[in-house]
N, C-alpha and C. Protein backbone atom coordinates (compact mmCIF):
# COMPACT_ATOMS: atom_id res chain seq x y z
N MET A 1 -99.83 122.38 -17.50
CA MET A 1 -99.31 121.05 -16.61
C MET A 1 -100.25 120.50 -15.84
N GLN A 2 -100.14 119.15 -15.59
CA GLN A 2 -101.18 118.24 -15.04
C GLN A 2 -101.02 118.33 -13.66
N VAL A 3 -101.97 118.05 -12.90
CA VAL A 3 -101.87 117.70 -11.29
C VAL A 3 -102.25 116.29 -11.06
N ARG A 4 -101.37 115.68 -10.48
CA ARG A 4 -101.30 114.34 -9.79
C ARG A 4 -101.27 114.15 -8.47
N TRP A 5 -102.51 113.73 -8.00
CA TRP A 5 -102.51 113.43 -6.59
C TRP A 5 -102.06 112.17 -6.05
N THR A 6 -101.33 111.91 -5.18
CA THR A 6 -100.64 110.64 -4.90
C THR A 6 -101.91 109.78 -3.79
N ASP A 7 -101.57 108.45 -3.85
CA ASP A 7 -102.60 107.91 -2.92
C ASP A 7 -102.63 108.26 -1.65
N GLU A 8 -101.48 108.57 -1.00
CA GLU A 8 -101.24 109.48 0.30
C GLU A 8 -101.88 110.78 0.43
N ALA A 9 -102.00 111.52 -0.40
CA ALA A 9 -102.66 112.54 -0.48
C ALA A 9 -104.39 112.19 -0.47
N PHE A 10 -104.76 111.36 -1.47
CA PHE A 10 -106.21 111.14 -1.53
C PHE A 10 -106.51 110.56 0.16
N ALA A 11 -105.63 109.70 0.69
CA ALA A 11 -106.02 109.11 1.76
C ALA A 11 -105.94 110.24 2.95
N ARG A 12 -105.21 111.26 3.10
CA ARG A 12 -105.26 112.41 3.98
C ARG A 12 -106.63 112.90 3.91
N LEU A 13 -106.76 113.28 2.53
CA LEU A 13 -108.23 114.00 2.12
C LEU A 13 -109.64 113.41 2.96
N ALA A 14 -109.35 111.94 2.76
CA ALA A 14 -110.43 111.34 3.22
C ALA A 14 -110.46 111.24 4.63
N GLU A 15 -109.79 111.35 5.43
CA GLU A 15 -109.45 111.18 6.69
C GLU A 15 -109.79 112.77 7.26
N ILE A 16 -109.41 113.70 6.65
CA ILE A 16 -109.88 115.02 6.85
C ILE A 16 -111.31 115.26 6.94
N GLU A 17 -111.89 114.68 5.63
CA GLU A 17 -113.25 114.94 5.53
C GLU A 17 -114.19 113.93 6.44
N ASP A 18 -113.79 112.78 6.93
CA ASP A 18 -114.39 111.92 7.82
C ASP A 18 -114.33 112.84 9.18
N PHE A 19 -113.15 113.35 9.54
CA PHE A 19 -112.99 114.04 10.63
C PHE A 19 -114.16 115.13 10.87
N VAL A 20 -113.95 116.37 10.01
CA VAL A 20 -115.06 117.14 9.95
C VAL A 20 -116.32 116.97 9.91
N ALA A 21 -116.54 115.68 8.96
CA ALA A 21 -118.20 115.41 8.96
C ALA A 21 -118.66 114.97 10.16
N ARG A 22 -117.86 114.58 11.32
CA ARG A 22 -118.68 114.01 12.45
C ARG A 22 -119.26 115.11 13.08
N ASP A 23 -119.05 116.51 12.78
CA ASP A 23 -119.47 117.46 13.30
C ASP A 23 -120.69 118.21 12.36
N ASN A 24 -120.16 118.07 10.91
CA ASN A 24 -120.65 119.00 10.04
C ASN A 24 -120.40 118.61 9.04
N PRO A 25 -121.15 117.59 8.22
CA PRO A 25 -121.05 117.04 7.08
C PRO A 25 -120.93 117.91 5.60
N THR A 26 -121.79 119.08 5.84
CA THR A 26 -121.85 120.11 4.87
C THR A 26 -120.46 120.74 4.63
N ALA A 27 -120.20 121.33 5.88
CA ALA A 27 -118.47 121.97 5.76
C ALA A 27 -117.43 120.90 5.34
N ALA A 28 -117.69 119.56 5.83
CA ALA A 28 -116.70 118.85 5.33
C ALA A 28 -116.54 118.52 4.03
N VAL A 29 -117.60 118.54 3.22
CA VAL A 29 -117.70 118.67 1.84
C VAL A 29 -117.23 119.95 1.01
N ARG A 30 -117.65 121.13 1.69
CA ARG A 30 -116.93 122.62 1.43
C ARG A 30 -115.58 122.47 1.66
N LEU A 31 -114.99 122.18 2.45
CA LEU A 31 -113.34 121.92 3.07
C LEU A 31 -112.82 121.22 1.89
N ILE A 32 -113.11 119.87 1.55
CA ILE A 32 -112.35 119.23 0.41
C ILE A 32 -112.37 119.68 -0.75
N ALA A 33 -113.68 120.49 -1.25
CA ALA A 33 -113.53 120.99 -2.35
C ALA A 33 -112.70 122.19 -2.38
N ARG A 34 -112.56 123.12 -1.52
CA ARG A 34 -111.58 123.95 -1.19
C ARG A 34 -110.28 123.54 -1.51
N LEU A 35 -110.01 122.19 -0.78
CA LEU A 35 -108.63 121.89 -0.85
C LEU A 35 -108.13 121.47 -2.34
N VAL A 36 -109.15 120.88 -2.73
CA VAL A 36 -108.77 119.98 -4.06
C VAL A 36 -108.73 121.26 -4.99
N ALA A 37 -109.71 122.18 -5.06
CA ALA A 37 -109.26 123.31 -5.87
C ALA A 37 -108.31 124.10 -5.68
N ARG A 38 -107.43 124.11 -4.67
CA ARG A 38 -106.13 125.03 -4.37
C ARG A 38 -105.16 123.97 -5.04
N GLY A 39 -105.16 122.44 -4.88
CA GLY A 39 -104.31 121.65 -5.58
C GLY A 39 -104.27 122.03 -7.10
N GLU A 40 -105.67 121.71 -7.50
CA GLU A 40 -105.62 121.97 -8.98
C GLU A 40 -105.25 123.11 -9.67
N ALA A 41 -105.38 123.87 -9.00
CA ALA A 41 -104.95 125.75 -9.20
C ALA A 41 -103.43 125.34 -9.48
N LEU A 42 -102.78 124.73 -9.03
CA LEU A 42 -101.25 124.39 -9.28
C LEU A 42 -100.94 124.09 -10.61
N ALA A 43 -101.93 123.86 -11.28
CA ALA A 43 -101.65 123.38 -12.88
C ALA A 43 -101.30 124.40 -13.66
N ALA A 44 -101.85 125.66 -13.42
CA ALA A 44 -101.65 126.97 -13.99
C ALA A 44 -100.40 127.89 -13.37
N PHE A 45 -100.41 127.57 -11.99
CA PHE A 45 -99.19 128.44 -11.20
C PHE A 45 -98.45 127.57 -10.33
N PRO A 46 -97.85 126.39 -10.73
CA PRO A 46 -97.04 125.50 -10.08
C PRO A 46 -96.24 126.17 -9.01
N ARG A 47 -95.62 127.24 -9.36
CA ARG A 47 -94.72 128.07 -8.26
C ARG A 47 -95.25 128.86 -7.38
N ARG A 48 -96.63 128.90 -7.09
CA ARG A 48 -97.35 129.81 -6.71
C ARG A 48 -97.13 129.52 -4.79
N GLY A 49 -96.83 128.33 -4.40
CA GLY A 49 -96.71 128.11 -3.15
C GLY A 49 -95.16 128.26 -2.86
N ARG A 50 -94.94 128.14 -1.50
CA ARG A 50 -93.38 128.52 -1.17
C ARG A 50 -92.66 127.02 -0.87
N ASN A 51 -91.38 127.28 -0.74
CA ASN A 51 -90.68 126.40 -0.61
C ASN A 51 -90.80 125.80 0.79
N MET A 52 -90.86 124.51 1.53
CA MET A 52 -91.35 123.98 2.62
C MET A 52 -90.15 124.08 3.63
N PRO A 53 -90.51 125.08 4.57
CA PRO A 53 -89.56 125.55 5.55
C PRO A 53 -88.71 124.40 6.41
N GLU A 54 -89.41 123.23 6.43
CA GLU A 54 -89.15 122.15 7.46
C GLU A 54 -88.12 121.47 6.57
N HIS A 55 -87.88 121.50 5.20
CA HIS A 55 -87.05 120.88 4.31
C HIS A 55 -86.37 121.81 3.36
N PRO A 56 -85.51 122.63 3.97
CA PRO A 56 -84.68 123.59 3.16
C PRO A 56 -83.89 122.80 2.26
N GLY A 57 -83.71 123.28 0.90
CA GLY A 57 -83.12 123.00 -0.24
C GLY A 57 -83.68 121.69 -0.82
N SER A 58 -84.80 121.31 -0.38
CA SER A 58 -85.67 120.25 -1.20
C SER A 58 -86.28 120.76 -2.33
N ASP A 59 -87.06 119.76 -3.08
CA ASP A 59 -87.77 120.22 -4.14
C ASP A 59 -89.21 120.35 -3.56
N LEU A 60 -89.32 120.39 -2.18
CA LEU A 60 -90.74 120.11 -1.62
C LEU A 60 -91.44 121.79 -1.35
N ARG A 61 -92.62 122.02 -2.08
CA ARG A 61 -93.29 122.97 -2.01
C ARG A 61 -94.52 123.05 -1.16
N GLU A 62 -95.17 124.03 -0.82
CA GLU A 62 -96.45 123.82 0.08
C GLU A 62 -97.36 125.23 -0.14
N VAL A 63 -98.70 124.84 -0.43
CA VAL A 63 -99.76 126.15 -0.32
C VAL A 63 -100.48 125.87 1.02
N ILE A 64 -101.22 126.84 1.39
CA ILE A 64 -101.83 126.80 2.50
C ILE A 64 -103.41 127.03 2.03
N GLU A 65 -104.08 126.65 2.67
CA GLU A 65 -105.48 126.45 2.69
C GLU A 65 -106.44 126.54 3.93
N GLY A 66 -106.65 127.75 4.49
CA GLY A 66 -107.25 127.63 5.82
C GLY A 66 -106.14 127.17 6.81
N ASN A 67 -106.62 125.85 7.47
CA ASN A 67 -105.55 125.56 8.26
C ASN A 67 -104.90 124.30 7.90
N TYR A 68 -104.72 124.06 6.47
CA TYR A 68 -104.34 122.89 6.35
C TYR A 68 -103.36 123.34 4.96
N ARG A 69 -102.05 122.19 5.00
CA ARG A 69 -100.94 122.46 4.09
C ARG A 69 -101.25 121.10 2.99
N LEU A 70 -100.85 121.90 1.78
CA LEU A 70 -100.82 120.87 0.80
C LEU A 70 -99.50 120.87 0.53
N VAL A 71 -98.65 119.60 0.52
CA VAL A 71 -97.28 119.37 -0.03
C VAL A 71 -97.24 118.96 -1.41
N TYR A 72 -96.50 119.41 -2.09
CA TYR A 72 -96.13 119.13 -3.43
C TYR A 72 -94.65 119.44 -3.94
N ARG A 73 -94.60 118.84 -5.19
CA ARG A 73 -93.32 118.96 -5.95
C ARG A 73 -93.57 119.12 -7.26
N ILE A 74 -92.90 119.81 -7.97
CA ILE A 74 -93.09 120.04 -9.65
C ILE A 74 -92.05 119.23 -10.13
N ARG A 75 -92.60 118.41 -11.26
CA ARG A 75 -91.97 117.72 -12.04
C ARG A 75 -91.81 118.35 -13.32
N PRO A 76 -91.12 117.80 -14.50
CA PRO A 76 -90.97 118.51 -15.83
C PRO A 76 -92.41 118.76 -16.35
N THR A 77 -93.41 117.89 -16.40
CA THR A 77 -94.63 117.78 -16.96
C THR A 77 -95.80 117.68 -15.82
N VAL A 78 -95.73 117.51 -14.41
CA VAL A 78 -96.75 117.11 -13.58
C VAL A 78 -96.37 117.77 -12.41
N VAL A 79 -97.46 118.44 -11.67
CA VAL A 79 -97.26 118.73 -10.23
C VAL A 79 -97.89 117.60 -9.37
N GLU A 80 -97.05 117.11 -8.67
CA GLU A 80 -97.50 115.78 -7.61
C GLU A 80 -97.83 116.52 -6.47
N VAL A 81 -99.05 116.20 -5.76
CA VAL A 81 -99.49 116.53 -4.64
C VAL A 81 -99.22 115.27 -3.80
N LEU A 82 -98.08 115.62 -2.65
CA LEU A 82 -97.68 114.36 -2.03
C LEU A 82 -98.79 113.98 -0.77
N THR A 83 -99.12 115.32 0.16
CA THR A 83 -99.86 114.88 1.12
C THR A 83 -100.63 116.21 1.40
N VAL A 84 -101.47 116.25 2.39
CA VAL A 84 -102.29 117.24 3.10
C VAL A 84 -102.18 116.99 4.45
N PHE A 85 -102.12 117.91 5.36
CA PHE A 85 -102.25 117.97 6.82
C PHE A 85 -102.56 119.15 7.31
N GLU A 86 -102.92 119.07 8.55
CA GLU A 86 -103.43 120.13 9.37
C GLU A 86 -102.25 120.72 9.89
N GLY A 87 -102.21 122.26 9.50
CA GLY A 87 -101.15 122.83 9.53
C GLY A 87 -100.39 123.24 11.16
N HIS A 88 -101.46 122.80 11.95
CA HIS A 88 -100.74 122.82 13.40
C HIS A 88 -100.07 121.82 13.83
N ARG A 89 -99.95 120.77 13.03
CA ARG A 89 -99.43 119.55 13.15
C ARG A 89 -97.73 119.43 12.62
N LEU A 90 -96.97 118.72 13.23
CA LEU A 90 -95.68 118.44 12.52
C LEU A 90 -95.93 117.88 11.03
N PRO A 91 -95.21 118.25 10.01
CA PRO A 91 -95.33 117.68 8.72
C PRO A 91 -94.99 115.97 8.85
N PRO A 92 -95.54 115.45 8.14
CA PRO A 92 -95.30 113.77 8.17
C PRO A 92 -93.95 113.67 7.55
N PRO A 93 -93.13 112.67 7.53
CA PRO A 93 -92.03 112.07 6.66
C PRO A 93 -92.17 112.46 5.31
N MET A 94 -91.48 113.07 4.84
CA MET A 94 -91.36 113.09 3.23
C MET A 94 -90.40 112.36 2.47
N PRO A 95 -90.60 112.11 1.29
CA PRO A 95 -89.65 111.00 0.46
C PRO A 95 -88.46 112.20 0.08
């Protein structure tokens, strides 16, 4: 299965990297690498994440990496990573 990152997910990754890089550019690069690796691992194990508790009954799932949540959904041939956000915040509106 292939993993496809939405423009929204890429934008959130860039924001996270910019924020963390203000204090520690090296840590920012490592964090983004971990988040991307977690998302890419969904290609092999798309059901590894849990159903998103804020959206019961939907097809939205999430995996956690450190303090961040990667929200995705499984399609027949692709896993779509929809967004990434800091876990202490409320989830953004989802489609």
